[in-house]
Amino acid sequence: MYKRLAEPRVAEALTDTPVVLIVGPRRAGKTTLVRKMGDASRAYVTLDDHTVLEAAQSDPTGFIRGMDRAIIDEIQRAPDLLLAIKKSVDEDYRPGRFLLTGSANVLTLPRVADSLAGRMETLRMLPLARAEIEGSSPTFLDRLFGGRLQGIQDAIVGDDLVRLSLLGGFPEAISRSSERRRQDWAQSYLTSVLTRDLREIADIEKLTDLPKFVRLLAEHSGQLVNYSHFGAAINVSHKTGQRYVGLLEQLFLVSTLQPWFTNTLKRIVKTPKLHFLDSGLLAAVRGLTFERVKADRGLLGSLLESFVFSEVLKLMTATDQRLRPYHFRDQQMREVDIVLERDDGMVAGIEIKASATVRSSDFGGLRTLAEACGDRFAYGVVLYDSSEAVPFGDRLAAVPLSALWR
C-alpha cells in the first residue's frame, strides 16, 4: 500500500476541524486512504451503494441523525447531505466528526460552499505522485524556493523518461504489466466518467459527442484555452464549450492554469492554459504509445509538460508553503510553463524541456519573469532530460526532471 502525501494533512485536519473533505478523480485512491485512516468507532458508508444512496437522497437529515463519527464516500452523489451535516455539526462542533470523499468538486455548488464555510477543510488528492510510487519524501518545492537544487545521480532519463510520462499515476493502471492493458483501463475509465459521473452532476445535451470533445482537449493539452474552437468541434457555442471544460474540471480530468501577470509588464497574454491532470489518461486519449513517442520525440513535449504540472500539484499537498500555480506568457512569446507564487509574494518559475540539451535561450521567459519580480523572484529552473544540474546565471539553473520526486 502506498503512503500518500495527503495522509498527514488529513490526519492533522481531523484534529481541529469538524468536517474534512478529500476531493479528487475517481479511482485515485481516496477510498483506500480513508478506510486506512478509519477505526472501529468511525462508521463507513459509501454512496456508490444504491440502497444507501436512496436513503441519503430521500431523507438527508434522518440519514445523518445519530452519526457520531463517520466516513462518507462519494458525497457528490447526494450533495444535500452536506446541508444535513452542517446542521449536525452546528449542534456538535467536535473535530473529526465527518471524513468525506468526493469524485466531483461539490464546492462549485454555491449553497454547499456557503453552508460549510468555517466548518470544513478540503484537501485535493490526485493519482499517485512519482514520490509516492518510489516511497520517497519529496522536498523539491522547498529546495526550489531556497535555490538548493542539485544533480541526481540515478535520474530517470531517455527512454525511461518517456515510459514514465506515459504511465500516469492511477494505481489500477500502473499495476498492469503491459502498455496495451494500461491504455485499455484508461479508455474504460474515461467511458465511465463521461457517461455515469458527468450525468450525475449536469445535464449534457451532447453526451455522445463528449469523447470527441475530450480528444480535442487532449490535442491541446499544454496550450492556451480556446473555448470557441473547442465548442465548434461539436457544434456548440463558445459559452457551452467553456461550460463543458468547467464540468470536466469538476471531475478532475483537466485543469485550467490561470495566467500570472503584474502591472510592471503591460503586454502579457491573459488566457489560461489547459492541462490533463493525468499523463496516462492523456496518452490513452491521444493514442500515444512508447514506440510512437520514441519515433517522434516531438510528441513528448506536451505530454511531459502535463506530467510535470500534475506532479507539482501533488507536491503542493506535501509542503508547508502556501503556493498558487500560474503560467506566464508575453506577446513576444516568452513564456514560463509553471509559475508558483507563495503567500508572501515570492515567485519561482519552472520551464519544462523534453531534451537532454539546454541553451541560454531556453531561459528567456524565466529572465523576463525574474526582471518583472525583482527581489520577489526566488529561483527559476528548466527541468530537462538529464542527471546534471547546470547554473545559468543568477537564480537560474537547468535541473534534472527527477528532482521532482527527490
Protein backbone atom coordinates (compact mmCIF):
# COMPACT_ATOMS: atom_id res chain seq x y z
CA MET A 1 0.00 0.00 0.00
CA TYR A 2 1.35 3.41 -0.98
CA LYS A 3 1.87 6.08 1.65
CA ARG A 4 0.02 9.12 0.33
CA LEU A 5 1.32 12.67 0.58
CA ALA A 6 -2.14 13.79 1.67
CA GLU A 7 -2.30 11.47 4.68
CA PRO A 8 -0.51 13.71 7.23
CA ARG A 9 -2.63 16.67 6.11
CA VAL A 10 -5.86 14.71 6.53
CA ALA A 11 -4.81 13.43 9.97
CA GLU A 12 -3.91 16.96 11.07
CA ALA A 13 -7.19 18.43 9.81
CA LEU A 14 -9.21 15.80 11.69
CA THR A 15 -7.71 17.03 14.98
CA ASP A 16 -9.20 20.52 14.74
CA THR A 17 -11.91 20.61 12.04
CA PRO A 18 -15.40 19.02 12.25
CA VAL A 19 -15.62 18.07 8.54
CA VAL A 20 -12.73 17.05 6.29
CA LEU A 21 -13.41 16.52 2.58
CA ILE A 22 -10.94 14.79 0.26
CA VAL A 23 -11.67 15.55 -3.39
CA GLY A 24 -10.04 14.12 -6.48
CA PRO A 25 -10.66 11.92 -9.50
CA ARG A 26 -12.39 8.59 -9.15
CA ARG A 27 -10.01 5.64 -8.60
CA ALA A 28 -7.17 7.91 -7.37
CA GLY A 29 -7.02 6.08 -4.02
CA LYS A 30 -9.28 8.23 -1.82
CA THR A 31 -11.34 5.30 -0.52
CA THR A 32 -8.22 3.28 0.28
CA LEU A 33 -6.83 6.22 2.26
CA VAL A 34 -9.93 6.98 4.32
CA ARG A 35 -10.54 3.32 5.14
CA LYS A 36 -6.94 3.03 6.26
CA MET A 37 -7.38 6.09 8.48
CA GLY A 38 -10.69 4.91 9.92
CA ASP A 39 -11.13 2.94 13.13
CA ALA A 40 -13.81 0.85 14.82
CA SER A 41 -15.55 3.93 16.20
CA ARG A 42 -15.98 5.53 12.78
CA ALA A 43 -18.82 4.19 10.62
CA TYR A 44 -18.13 3.78 6.90
CA VAL A 45 -20.81 4.29 4.26
CA THR A 46 -20.45 4.61 0.51
CA LEU A 47 -22.95 6.35 -1.72
CA ASP A 48 -21.89 4.05 -4.56
CA ASP A 49 -24.25 1.56 -2.88
CA HIS A 50 -27.66 2.23 -4.48
CA THR A 51 -29.63 1.35 -1.34
CA VAL A 52 -27.53 3.67 0.79
CA LEU A 53 -27.77 6.38 -1.86
CA GLU A 54 -31.57 6.11 -1.97
CA ALA A 55 -31.74 6.50 1.82
CA ALA A 56 -29.42 9.51 1.76
CA GLN A 57 -31.34 11.25 -1.02
CA SER A 58 -34.83 10.60 0.37
CA ASP A 59 -34.12 11.78 3.93
CA PRO A 60 -30.73 13.52 4.31
CA THR A 61 -31.42 14.73 7.86
CA GLY A 62 -32.58 11.31 9.02
CA PHE A 63 -29.60 9.68 7.34
CA ILE A 64 -27.12 11.87 9.26
CA ARG A 65 -29.03 11.81 12.55
CA GLY A 66 -27.31 9.56 15.04
CA MET A 67 -23.98 9.53 13.21
CA ASP A 68 -21.27 10.38 15.70
CA ARG A 69 -18.10 9.87 13.68
CA ALA A 70 -18.40 8.72 10.09
CA ILE A 71 -16.68 8.26 6.74
CA ILE A 72 -19.00 9.03 3.82
CA ASP A 73 -17.61 8.05 0.42
CA GLU A 74 -18.60 9.77 -2.87
CA ILE A 75 -20.51 12.63 -1.23
CA GLN A 76 -21.14 14.31 -4.62
CA ARG A 77 -23.83 11.71 -5.30
CA ALA A 78 -26.04 13.23 -2.57
CA PRO A 79 -24.94 16.87 -2.11
CA ASP A 80 -27.95 17.64 0.13
CA LEU A 81 -26.23 15.54 2.78
CA LEU A 82 -23.80 18.43 3.26
CA LEU A 83 -26.64 20.64 4.46
CA ALA A 84 -27.66 17.95 6.95
CA ILE A 85 -24.03 17.62 8.05
CA LYS A 86 -23.92 21.39 8.63
CA LYS A 87 -26.92 21.14 10.98
CA SER A 88 -25.37 18.21 12.85
CA VAL A 89 -22.01 19.98 13.19
CA ASP A 90 -23.65 23.18 14.43
CA GLU A 91 -25.20 21.12 17.23
CA ASP A 92 -21.96 19.24 17.99
CA TYR A 93 -18.80 21.01 16.85
CA ARG A 94 -16.25 18.37 17.89
CA PRO A 95 -13.34 17.99 15.44
CA GLY A 96 -13.05 14.97 13.19
CA ARG A 97 -16.74 14.08 13.11
CA PHE A 98 -17.07 13.60 9.35
CA LEU A 99 -14.45 12.41 6.88
CA LEU A 100 -15.83 12.72 3.34
CA THR A 101 -14.60 11.91 -0.15
CA GLY A 102 -15.83 13.28 -3.45
CA SER A 103 -15.02 12.42 -7.06
CA ALA A 104 -16.57 15.67 -8.24
CA ASN A 105 -15.94 19.10 -6.81
CA VAL A 106 -19.16 19.72 -4.90
CA LEU A 107 -17.79 23.05 -3.67
CA THR A 108 -18.68 24.54 -7.05
CA LEU A 109 -22.30 24.43 -5.86
CA PRO A 110 -22.76 27.85 -4.17
CA ARG A 111 -25.20 26.69 -1.48
CA VAL A 112 -22.84 23.87 -0.49
CA ALA A 113 -19.74 26.04 -0.33
CA ASP A 114 -21.54 28.70 1.70
CA SER A 115 -23.18 26.23 4.07
CA LEU A 116 -19.96 24.69 5.36
CA ALA A 117 -17.75 27.77 5.42
CA GLY A 118 -15.57 27.63 8.53
CA ARG A 119 -16.72 24.08 9.33
CA MET A 120 -14.94 22.08 6.63
CA GLU A 121 -11.42 21.73 5.28
CA THR A 122 -11.00 20.49 1.73
CA LEU A 123 -7.90 18.63 0.54
CA ARG A 124 -7.24 17.60 -3.05
CA MET A 125 -5.84 14.15 -3.79
CA LEU A 126 -4.74 13.35 -7.33
CA PRO A 127 -3.48 9.99 -8.63
CA LEU A 128 -0.13 8.74 -7.34
CA ALA A 129 2.83 11.08 -7.44
CA ARG A 130 6.15 9.61 -8.53
CA ALA A 131 7.43 10.21 -4.97
CA GLU A 132 4.58 8.09 -3.60
CA ILE A 133 5.35 5.29 -6.04
CA GLU A 134 9.05 5.36 -5.08
CA GLY A 135 8.33 5.81 -1.37
CA SER A 136 10.44 8.97 -1.13
CA SER A 137 9.83 12.19 0.82
CA PRO A 138 9.98 14.93 -1.82
CA THR A 139 11.47 18.32 -0.98
CA PHE A 140 11.56 19.79 -4.49
CA LEU A 141 9.38 22.81 -3.77
CA ASP A 142 11.27 23.77 -0.63
CA ARG A 143 14.60 23.41 -2.45
CA LEU A 144 13.26 25.35 -5.45
CA PHE A 145 12.37 28.40 -3.38
CA GLY A 146 15.64 28.03 -1.48
CA GLY A 147 17.72 27.76 -4.66
CA ARG A 148 19.24 24.49 -3.48
CA LEU A 149 18.55 22.11 -6.39
CA GLN A 150 21.30 19.68 -7.40
CA GLY A 151 22.03 16.92 -9.89
CA ILE A 152 20.52 13.45 -9.49
CA GLN A 153 22.96 10.57 -9.81
CA ASP A 154 20.33 7.95 -10.68
CA ALA A 155 18.00 10.25 -12.61
CA ILE A 156 15.37 8.76 -14.92
CA VAL A 157 16.36 9.79 -18.45
CA GLY A 158 15.90 8.92 -22.11
CA ASP A 159 13.53 6.07 -22.93
CA ASP A 160 12.75 5.53 -19.24
CA LEU A 161 11.53 9.13 -19.00
CA VAL A 162 9.24 8.52 -21.97
CA ARG A 163 7.81 5.42 -20.28
CA LEU A 164 7.32 7.34 -17.05
CA SER A 165 5.38 10.12 -18.80
CA LEU A 166 3.12 7.56 -20.48
CA LEU A 167 2.46 5.73 -17.22
CA GLY A 168 0.42 8.28 -15.26
CA GLY A 169 -0.50 7.74 -11.64
CA PHE A 170 -3.75 5.78 -11.33
CA PRO A 171 -2.98 2.80 -9.05
CA GLU A 172 -5.01 0.31 -11.09
CA ALA A 173 -3.41 1.40 -14.35
CA ILE A 174 0.19 1.24 -13.17
CA SER A 175 -0.39 -2.20 -11.65
CA ARG A 176 -0.97 -3.60 -15.14
CA SER A 177 2.08 -5.14 -16.77
CA SER A 178 1.63 -4.04 -20.38
CA GLU A 179 1.10 -0.69 -22.07
CA ARG A 180 -1.88 -2.04 -24.01
CA ARG A 181 -3.63 -3.19 -20.83
CA ARG A 182 -2.97 0.16 -19.13
CA GLN A 183 -4.50 2.01 -22.05
CA ASP A 184 -7.47 -0.38 -22.06
CA TRP A 185 -8.04 0.55 -18.41
CA ALA A 186 -7.75 4.26 -19.22
CA GLN A 187 -10.30 4.04 -22.05
CA SER A 188 -12.74 2.16 -19.82
CA TYR A 189 -12.22 4.70 -17.05
CA LEU A 190 -12.93 7.63 -19.37
CA THR A 191 -16.08 5.99 -20.69
CA SER A 192 -17.37 5.52 -17.13
CA VAL A 193 -16.57 9.08 -16.09
CA LEU A 194 -18.09 10.64 -19.22
CA THR A 195 -21.30 8.61 -19.07
CA ARG A 196 -22.09 7.99 -15.39
CA ASP A 197 -20.24 10.60 -13.36
CA LEU A 198 -20.83 13.52 -15.70
CA ARG A 199 -24.54 12.75 -15.98
CA GLU A 200 -24.79 12.92 -12.18
CA ILE A 201 -23.53 16.49 -11.92
CA ALA A 202 -25.05 18.12 -15.03
CA ASP A 203 -27.47 17.84 -17.92
CA ILE A 204 -25.39 17.42 -21.07
CA GLU A 205 -27.27 17.81 -24.33
CA LYS A 206 -24.45 16.35 -26.45
CA LEU A 207 -23.32 13.47 -24.26
CA THR A 208 -22.44 11.26 -27.24
CA ASP A 209 -20.12 13.98 -28.60
CA LEU A 210 -18.10 14.26 -25.40
CA PRO A 211 -15.44 11.65 -26.34
CA LYS A 212 -14.71 13.74 -29.45
CA PHE A 213 -14.61 16.88 -27.30
CA VAL A 214 -12.18 15.24 -24.86
CA ARG A 215 -9.95 14.09 -27.72
CA LEU A 216 -9.75 17.68 -28.94
CA LEU A 217 -8.82 18.88 -25.46
CA ALA A 218 -6.12 16.21 -25.34
CA GLU A 219 -4.61 17.52 -28.57
CA HIS A 220 -4.47 20.97 -26.92
CA SER A 221 -3.14 19.93 -23.51
CA GLY A 222 -0.36 22.34 -22.55
CA GLN A 223 -1.73 25.04 -24.87
CA LEU A 224 -3.78 28.20 -24.34
CA VAL A 225 -7.52 27.67 -23.98
CA ASN A 226 -9.73 28.50 -26.95
CA TYR A 227 -13.34 27.82 -25.95
CA SER A 228 -14.75 28.83 -29.35
CA HIS A 229 -12.52 26.31 -31.11
CA PHE A 230 -13.38 23.60 -28.59
CA GLY A 231 -17.11 24.23 -28.90
CA ALA A 232 -17.08 24.38 -32.69
CA ALA A 233 -15.72 20.83 -32.81
CA ILE A 234 -19.09 19.53 -31.57
CA ASN A 235 -21.24 22.38 -32.90
CA VAL A 236 -21.85 24.18 -29.63
CA SER A 237 -21.27 27.80 -28.66
CA HIS A 238 -18.22 29.36 -27.01
CA LYS A 239 -20.21 29.53 -23.77
CA THR A 240 -21.20 25.85 -23.92
CA GLY A 241 -17.63 24.84 -24.73
CA GLN A 242 -16.49 26.77 -21.67
CA ARG A 243 -19.17 25.07 -19.56
CA TYR A 244 -18.08 21.61 -20.74
CA VAL A 245 -14.45 22.32 -19.86
CA GLY A 246 -15.64 23.50 -16.44
CA LEU A 247 -17.55 20.25 -15.91
CA LEU A 248 -14.50 18.19 -16.85
CA GLU A 249 -12.56 20.26 -14.32
CA GLN A 250 -15.16 19.38 -11.69
CA LEU A 251 -14.43 15.70 -12.40
CA PHE A 252 -10.65 16.31 -12.18
CA LEU A 253 -9.95 15.19 -15.74
CA VAL A 254 -8.49 18.53 -16.80
CA SER A 255 -7.37 21.76 -15.18
CA THR A 256 -7.12 25.31 -16.46
CA LEU A 257 -3.99 27.11 -15.30
CA GLN A 258 -4.54 30.84 -14.90
CA PRO A 259 -2.03 33.39 -16.24
CA TRP A 260 0.38 35.21 -13.93
CA PHE A 261 0.64 38.93 -14.53
CA THR A 262 1.86 42.10 -12.93
CA ASN A 263 1.29 45.79 -13.58
CA THR A 264 5.01 46.23 -14.33
CA LEU A 265 4.53 44.24 -17.56
CA LYS A 266 1.93 45.70 -19.91
CA ARG A 267 1.87 43.25 -22.82
CA ILE A 268 1.02 39.92 -21.20
CA VAL A 269 -1.22 37.14 -22.53
CA LYS A 270 -4.09 36.76 -20.05
CA THR A 271 -5.52 33.49 -21.34
CA PRO A 272 -5.48 30.31 -19.21
CA LYS A 273 -3.71 27.12 -20.25
CA LEU A 274 -5.31 23.68 -20.37
CA HIS A 275 -3.76 20.57 -18.85
CA PHE A 276 -4.86 16.98 -18.39
CA LEU A 277 -4.36 16.01 -14.76
CA ASP A 278 -3.01 12.54 -15.56
CA SER A 279 -0.46 11.95 -18.29
CA GLY A 280 -1.51 8.29 -18.61
CA LEU A 281 -5.07 9.30 -19.49
CA LEU A 282 -3.72 11.97 -21.83
CA ALA A 283 -1.59 9.39 -23.62
CA ALA A 284 -4.52 6.98 -23.94
CA VAL A 285 -6.84 9.65 -25.39
CA ARG A 286 -4.21 10.72 -27.92
CA GLY A 287 -3.20 7.16 -28.76
CA LEU A 288 0.40 7.80 -27.70
CA THR A 289 2.45 4.65 -27.23
CA PHE A 290 6.10 4.21 -26.29
CA GLU A 291 7.07 3.24 -29.85
CA ARG A 292 5.21 6.18 -31.34
CA VAL A 293 6.75 8.74 -28.96
CA LYS A 294 10.21 7.20 -29.28
CA ALA A 295 9.95 7.55 -33.07
CA ASP A 296 8.77 11.16 -32.80
CA ARG A 297 10.14 12.91 -29.70
CA GLY A 298 8.17 16.00 -30.72
CA LEU A 299 5.13 14.23 -29.24
CA LEU A 300 6.76 14.13 -25.81
CA GLY A 301 6.71 17.89 -25.13
CA SER A 302 3.06 18.47 -24.23
CA LEU A 303 2.79 15.07 -22.52
CA LEU A 304 5.80 15.84 -20.33
CA GLU A 305 4.51 19.32 -19.52
CA SER A 306 1.18 17.96 -18.27
CA PHE A 307 3.03 15.24 -16.33
CA VAL A 308 5.19 17.84 -14.56
CA PHE A 309 2.23 20.15 -13.92
CA SER A 310 0.34 17.30 -12.25
CA GLU A 311 3.43 16.31 -10.21
CA VAL A 312 3.80 19.88 -8.96
CA LEU A 313 0.14 19.99 -7.88
CA LYS A 314 0.68 16.74 -5.94
CA LEU A 315 3.83 18.10 -4.27
CA MET A 316 1.90 21.19 -3.17
CA THR A 317 -0.11 18.86 -0.91
CA ALA A 318 3.04 17.87 0.98
CA THR A 319 4.71 21.25 1.52
CA ASP A 320 4.08 23.71 4.35
CA GLN A 321 4.41 26.54 1.83
CA ARG A 322 1.17 28.09 0.61
CA LEU A 323 1.52 28.25 -3.16
CA ARG A 324 -0.65 29.14 -6.12
CA PRO A 325 0.22 27.88 -9.63
CA TYR A 326 0.07 30.00 -12.79
CA HIS A 327 1.64 30.17 -16.22
CA PHE A 328 3.30 33.17 -17.86
CA ARG A 329 3.47 34.34 -21.46
CA ASP A 330 4.02 37.75 -23.00
CA GLN A 331 3.21 38.91 -26.52
CA GLN A 332 6.79 38.27 -27.61
CA MET A 333 6.07 34.56 -26.85
CA ARG A 334 8.46 34.49 -23.90
CA GLU A 335 6.87 32.07 -21.50
CA VAL A 336 7.23 30.07 -18.30
CA ASP A 337 5.28 26.81 -18.12
CA ILE A 338 4.60 26.95 -14.37
CA VAL A 339 4.86 29.98 -12.10
CA LEU A 340 4.49 29.37 -8.36
CA GLU A 341 3.61 32.35 -6.19
CA ARG A 342 3.95 31.98 -2.43
CA ASP A 343 1.64 33.75 0.02
CA ASP A 344 4.48 36.14 0.98
CA GLY A 345 4.78 37.25 -2.67
CA MET A 346 7.91 35.25 -3.57
CA VAL A 347 7.83 33.72 -7.04
CA ALA A 348 9.55 30.69 -8.61
CA GLY A 349 9.41 29.57 -12.23
CA ILE A 350 9.55 26.14 -13.87
CA GLU A 351 10.13 25.59 -17.58
CA ILE A 352 9.88 22.03 -18.97
CA LYS A 353 12.04 20.78 -21.82
CA ALA A 354 11.86 17.28 -23.33
CA SER A 355 15.51 17.37 -24.34
CA ALA A 356 18.91 16.45 -22.93
CA THR A 357 20.35 19.80 -24.03
CA VAL A 358 19.56 23.22 -22.56
CA ARG A 359 20.63 26.54 -24.10
CA SER A 360 20.74 30.04 -22.70
CA SER A 361 17.78 30.97 -24.94
CA ASP A 362 15.61 28.45 -23.05
CA PHE A 363 15.73 30.84 -20.08
CA GLY A 364 14.19 33.79 -21.94
CA GLY A 365 10.83 33.52 -20.20
CA LEU A 366 12.41 32.95 -16.79
CA ARG A 367 14.64 36.02 -17.21
CA THR A 368 11.60 38.13 -18.14
CA LEU A 369 9.76 36.79 -15.11
CA ALA A 370 12.76 37.48 -12.85
CA GLU A 371 13.03 41.05 -14.12
CA ALA A 372 9.32 41.65 -13.53
CA CYS A 373 9.50 40.27 -9.99
CA GLY A 374 12.76 41.87 -8.90
CA ASP A 375 13.55 40.92 -5.31
CA ARG A 376 10.43 38.75 -5.22
CA PHE A 377 11.99 36.25 -7.65
CA ALA A 378 13.26 33.26 -5.68
CA TYR A 379 14.56 30.91 -8.39
CA GLY A 380 13.92 29.62 -11.88
CA VAL A 381 14.65 26.21 -13.37
CA VAL A 382 14.48 24.47 -16.70
CA LEU A 383 13.65 20.83 -15.97
CA TYR A 384 15.26 18.62 -18.61
CA ASP A 385 16.19 15.06 -19.61
CA SER A 386 19.50 14.70 -17.76
CA SER A 387 21.13 13.90 -14.42
CA GLU A 388 23.19 17.10 -14.19
CA ALA A 389 22.31 20.44 -12.60
CA VAL A 390 23.89 23.37 -14.50
CA PRO A 391 23.81 27.04 -13.34
CA PHE A 392 22.69 29.55 -15.98
CA GLY A 393 23.22 32.82 -14.14
CA ASP A 394 21.80 34.47 -11.06
CA ARG A 395 18.99 32.34 -9.55
CA LEU A 396 18.67 30.25 -12.72
CA ALA A 397 19.65 26.63 -13.42
CA ALA A 398 18.96 23.61 -15.60
CA VAL A 399 17.86 20.78 -13.29
CA PRO A 400 17.05 17.08 -13.88
CA LEU A 401 13.36 16.23 -14.10
CA SER A 402 13.97 13.54 -11.48
CA ALA A 403 14.47 16.32 -8.91
CA LEU A 404 10.68 16.46 -8.72
CA TRP A 405 10.45 13.31 -6.63
CA ARG A 406 13.64 13.62 -4.57
